[in-house]
C-alpha atoms as a PDB file:
ATOM      1  CA  UNK A   1     -33.904 -67.814  33.298  1.00  0.00           C
ATOM      2  CA  UNK A   2     -31.722 -64.806  33.901  1.00  0.00           C
ATOM      3  CA  UNK A   3     -31.169 -64.059  37.586  1.00  0.00           C
ATOM      4  CA  UNK A   4     -28.681 -62.015  39.589  1.00  0.00           C
ATOM      5  CA  UNK A   5     -28.689 -61.647  43.355  1.00  0.00           C
ATOM      6  CA  UNK A   6     -27.408 -58.952  45.682  1.00  0.00           C
ATOM      7  CA  UNK A   7     -24.670 -61.406  46.714  1.00  0.00           C
ATOM      8  CA  UNK A   8     -23.579 -61.716  43.075  1.00  0.00           C
ATOM      9  CA  UNK A   9     -23.521 -57.913  42.761  1.00  0.00           C
ATOM     10  CA  UNK A  10     -21.413 -57.656  45.910  1.00  0.00           C
ATOM     11  CA  UNK A  11     -18.975 -60.199  44.466  1.00  0.00           C
ATOM     12  CA  UNK A  12     -18.660 -58.304  41.140  1.00  0.00           C
ATOM     13  CA  UNK A  13     -18.521 -54.798  42.657  1.00  0.00           C
ATOM     14  CA  UNK A  14     -14.757 -54.620  43.457  1.00  0.00           C
ATOM     15  CA  UNK A  15     -13.740 -55.351  39.853  1.00  0.00           C
ATOM     16  CA  UNK A  16     -16.328 -52.913  38.485  1.00  0.00           C
ATOM     17  CA  UNK A  17     -15.239 -50.178  40.898  1.00  0.00           C
ATOM     18  CA  UNK A  18     -11.601 -50.766  39.924  1.00  0.00           C
ATOM     19  CA  UNK A  19     -12.394 -50.216  36.234  1.00  0.00           C
ATOM     20  CA  UNK A  20     -14.311 -47.038  37.071  1.00  0.00           C
ATOM     21  CA  UNK A  21     -11.426 -45.765  39.203  1.00  0.00           C
ATOM     22  CA  UNK A  22      -8.754 -46.684  36.633  1.00  0.00           C
ATOM     23  CA  UNK A  23     -10.520 -44.583  33.994  1.00  0.00           C
ATOM     24  CA  UNK A  24     -11.366 -41.681  36.318  1.00  0.00           C
ATOM     25  CA  UNK A  25     -15.098 -42.348  36.272  1.00  0.00           C
ATOM     26  CA  UNK A  26     -17.834 -42.332  38.918  1.00  0.00           C
ATOM     27  CA  UNK A  27     -20.908 -44.488  38.797  1.00  0.00           C
ATOM     28  CA  UNK A  28     -23.354 -46.705  40.603  1.00  0.00           C
ATOM     29  CA  UNK A  29     -24.067 -50.426  40.498  1.00  0.00           C
ATOM     30  CA  UNK A  30     -27.598 -51.751  40.792  1.00  0.00           C
ATOM     31  CA  UNK A  31     -29.846 -54.668  39.945  1.00  0.00           C
ATOM     32  CA  UNK A  32     -33.046 -54.218  37.943  1.00  0.00           C
ATOM     33  CA  UNK A  33     -35.869 -56.757  38.235  1.00  0.00           C
ATOM     34  CA  UNK A  34     -33.483 -59.433  39.583  1.00  0.00           C
ATOM     35  CA  UNK A  35     -32.432 -60.009  35.954  1.00  0.00           C
ATOM     36  CA  UNK A  36     -30.050 -57.198  34.982  1.00  0.00           C
ATOM     37  CA  UNK A  37     -26.809 -55.930  36.442  1.00  0.00           C
ATOM     38  CA  UNK A  38     -26.786 -52.189  35.751  1.00  0.00           C
ATOM     39  CA  UNK A  39     -23.859 -49.778  35.910  1.00  0.00           C
ATOM     40  CA  UNK A  40     -24.772 -46.116  35.524  1.00  0.00           C
ATOM     41  CA  UNK A  41     -21.787 -43.866  34.857  1.00  0.00           C
ATOM     42  CA  UNK A  42     -22.595 -40.414  36.253  1.00  0.00           C
ATOM     43  CA  UNK A  43     -19.408 -38.426  35.692  1.00  0.00           C
ATOM     44  CA  UNK A  44     -15.810 -38.732  34.631  1.00  0.00           C
ATOM     45  CA  UNK A  45     -12.956 -37.536  32.482  1.00  0.00           C
ATOM     46  CA  UNK A  46     -13.978 -39.384  29.309  1.00  0.00           C
ATOM     47  CA  UNK A  47     -15.781 -37.398  26.625  1.00  0.00           C
ATOM     48  CA  UNK A  48     -18.920 -39.142  25.355  1.00  0.00           C
ATOM     49  CA  UNK A  49     -20.258 -36.083  23.520  1.00  0.00           C
ATOM     50  CA  UNK A  50     -19.623 -37.502  20.041  1.00  0.00           C
ATOM     51  CA  UNK A  51     -21.844 -40.483  20.906  1.00  0.00           C
ATOM     52  CA  UNK A  52     -24.836 -38.454  22.080  1.00  0.00           C
ATOM     53  CA  UNK A  53     -27.539 -38.216  19.454  1.00  0.00           C
ATOM     54  CA  UNK A  54     -29.765 -35.198  19.110  1.00  0.00           C
ATOM     55  CA  UNK A  55     -32.260 -35.338  21.958  1.00  0.00           C
ATOM     56  CA  UNK A  56     -30.178 -37.657  24.158  1.00  0.00           C
ATOM     57  CA  UNK A  57     -29.491 -34.819  26.612  1.00  0.00           C
ATOM     58  CA  UNK A  58     -26.370 -36.442  28.054  1.00  0.00           C
ATOM     59  CA  UNK A  59     -27.769 -39.945  28.356  1.00  0.00           C
ATOM     60  CA  UNK A  60     -26.794 -43.106  26.462  1.00  0.00           C
ATOM     61  CA  UNK A  61     -27.912 -46.681  26.952  1.00  0.00           C
ATOM     62  CA  UNK A  62     -24.881 -48.584  25.667  1.00  0.00           C
ATOM     63  CA  UNK A  63     -25.638 -51.522  23.385  1.00  0.00           C
ATOM     64  CA  UNK A  64     -23.153 -54.019  24.813  1.00  0.00           C
ATOM     65  CA  UNK A  65     -23.273 -56.119  21.640  1.00  0.00           C
ATOM     66  CA  UNK A  66     -21.834 -53.271  19.550  1.00  0.00           C
ATOM     67  CA  UNK A  67     -19.129 -51.769  21.769  1.00  0.00           C
ATOM     68  CA  UNK A  68     -16.384 -52.860  19.351  1.00  0.00           C
ATOM     69  CA  UNK A  69     -17.998 -51.334  16.282  1.00  0.00           C
ATOM     70  CA  UNK A  70     -19.720 -48.196  17.615  1.00  0.00           C
ATOM     71  CA  UNK A  71     -17.079 -46.782  19.967  1.00  0.00           C
ATOM     72  CA  UNK A  72     -13.411 -45.914  19.583  1.00  0.00           C
ATOM     73  CA  UNK A  73     -10.295 -44.926  21.496  1.00  0.00           C
ATOM     74  CA  UNK A  74     -10.295 -44.714  25.277  1.00  0.00           C
ATOM     75  CA  UNK A  75     -14.111 -44.791  25.443  1.00  0.00           C
ATOM     76  CA  UNK A  76     -14.099 -48.169  23.674  1.00  0.00           C
ATOM     77  CA  UNK A  77     -11.369 -49.520  25.964  1.00  0.00           C
ATOM     78  CA  UNK A  78     -13.287 -48.323  29.045  1.00  0.00           C
ATOM     79  CA  UNK A  79     -16.550 -49.911  27.920  1.00  0.00           C
ATOM     80  CA  UNK A  80     -14.828 -53.186  27.000  1.00  0.00           C
ATOM     81  CA  UNK A  81     -13.140 -53.458  30.400  1.00  0.00           C
ATOM     82  CA  UNK A  82     -16.320 -52.462  32.238  1.00  0.00           C
ATOM     83  CA  UNK A  83     -18.315 -55.066  30.301  1.00  0.00           C
ATOM     84  CA  UNK A  84     -15.709 -57.729  31.103  1.00  0.00           C
ATOM     85  CA  UNK A  85     -15.767 -56.824  34.812  1.00  0.00           C
ATOM     86  CA  UNK A  86     -19.562 -56.977  34.847  1.00  0.00           C
ATOM     87  CA  UNK A  87     -19.496 -60.492  33.403  1.00  0.00           C
ATOM     88  CA  UNK A  88     -17.087 -61.809  36.017  1.00  0.00           C
ATOM     89  CA  UNK A  89     -16.410 -65.533  35.982  1.00  0.00           C
ATOM     90  CA  UNK A  90     -19.949 -66.914  36.360  1.00  0.00           C
ATOM     91  CA  UNK A  91     -21.641 -65.211  33.385  1.00  0.00           C
ATOM     92  CA  UNK A  92     -22.766 -67.373  30.455  1.00  0.00           C
ATOM     93  CA  UNK A  93     -25.052 -67.075  27.470  1.00  0.00           C
ATOM     94  CA  UNK A  94     -26.463 -70.271  25.979  1.00  0.00           C
ATOM     95  CA  UNK A  95     -29.226 -68.506  24.070  1.00  0.00           C
ATOM     96  CA  UNK A  96     -30.257 -69.656  20.608  1.00  0.00           C
ATOM     97  CA  UNK A  97     -32.194 -66.935  18.839  1.00  0.00           C
ATOM     98  CA  UNK A  98     -33.005 -69.250  15.922  1.00  0.00           C
ATOM     99  CA  UNK A  99     -35.150 -71.424  18.190  1.00  0.00           C
ATOM    100  CA  UNK A 100     -36.352 -68.556  20.381  1.00  0.00           C
ATOM    101  CA  UNK A 101     -34.493 -70.011  23.356  1.00  0.00           C
ATOM    102  CA  UNK A 102     -32.972 -67.531  25.811  1.00  0.00           C
ATOM    103  CA  UNK A 103     -30.771 -68.810  28.607  1.00  0.00           C
ATOM    104  CA  UNK A 104     -28.237 -66.457  30.141  1.00  0.00           C
ATOM    105  CA  UNK A 105     -26.832 -65.936  33.613  1.00  0.00           C
ATOM    106  CA  UNK A 106     -28.089 -62.329  33.719  1.00  0.00           C
ATOM    107  CA  UNK A 107     -28.364 -59.303  31.470  1.00  0.00           C
ATOM    108  CA  UNK A 108     -25.839 -56.459  31.443  1.00  0.00           C
ATOM    109  CA  UNK A 109     -26.863 -52.816  31.093  1.00  0.00           C
ATOM    110  CA  UNK A 110     -24.443 -49.892  30.881  1.00  0.00           C
ATOM    111  CA  UNK A 111     -25.877 -46.394  31.078  1.00  0.00           C
ATOM    112  CA  UNK A 112     -23.957 -43.188  30.546  1.00  0.00           C
ATOM    113  CA  UNK A 113     -25.898 -40.651  32.583  1.00  0.00           C
ATOM    114  CA  UNK A 114     -29.575 -40.969  33.454  1.00  0.00           C
ATOM    115  CA  UNK A 115     -32.646 -39.634  31.724  1.00  0.00           C
ATOM    116  CA  UNK A 116     -33.167 -37.323  34.705  1.00  0.00           C
ATOM    117  CA  UNK A 117     -29.488 -36.438  35.304  1.00  0.00           C
ATOM    118  CA  UNK A 118     -27.071 -36.196  32.366  1.00  0.00           C
ATOM    119  CA  UNK A 119     -23.482 -37.471  32.323  1.00  0.00           C
ATOM    120  CA  UNK A 120     -21.041 -34.783  33.483  1.00  0.00           C
ATOM    121  CA  UNK A 121     -17.565 -34.537  31.964  1.00  0.00           C
ATOM    122  CA  UNK A 122     -15.093 -33.260  34.565  1.00  0.00           C
ATOM    123  CA  UNK A 123     -11.395 -32.443  34.734  1.00  0.00           C
ATOM    124  CA  UNK A 124      -8.886 -33.378  32.066  1.00  0.00           C
END
């Protein structure tokens, strides 16, 4: 069963914050339902506008399984490094969808903006 504790979040936070800082981004780290590590990127220098669909209003829930194929350039590099930092060294996924067996350390969610507060592009 997927589970992540506040202690695990505290252990992963320095690497996540470093990735955010290296790419000129600001965000928050949280845990949802003791199962998902969530990073919400609130503002930064990267331009996500080409990835917003009509009606998104500055908010994207990144599908972490498709970062390599749906994103490009610096945005792709940022998301890849953020995803790697969120996994850390203890993350695993031994799920087998063919047998309906799900066993992972914890789930990873990356949000660009929030539904109530859109992502803000700043600076360069």
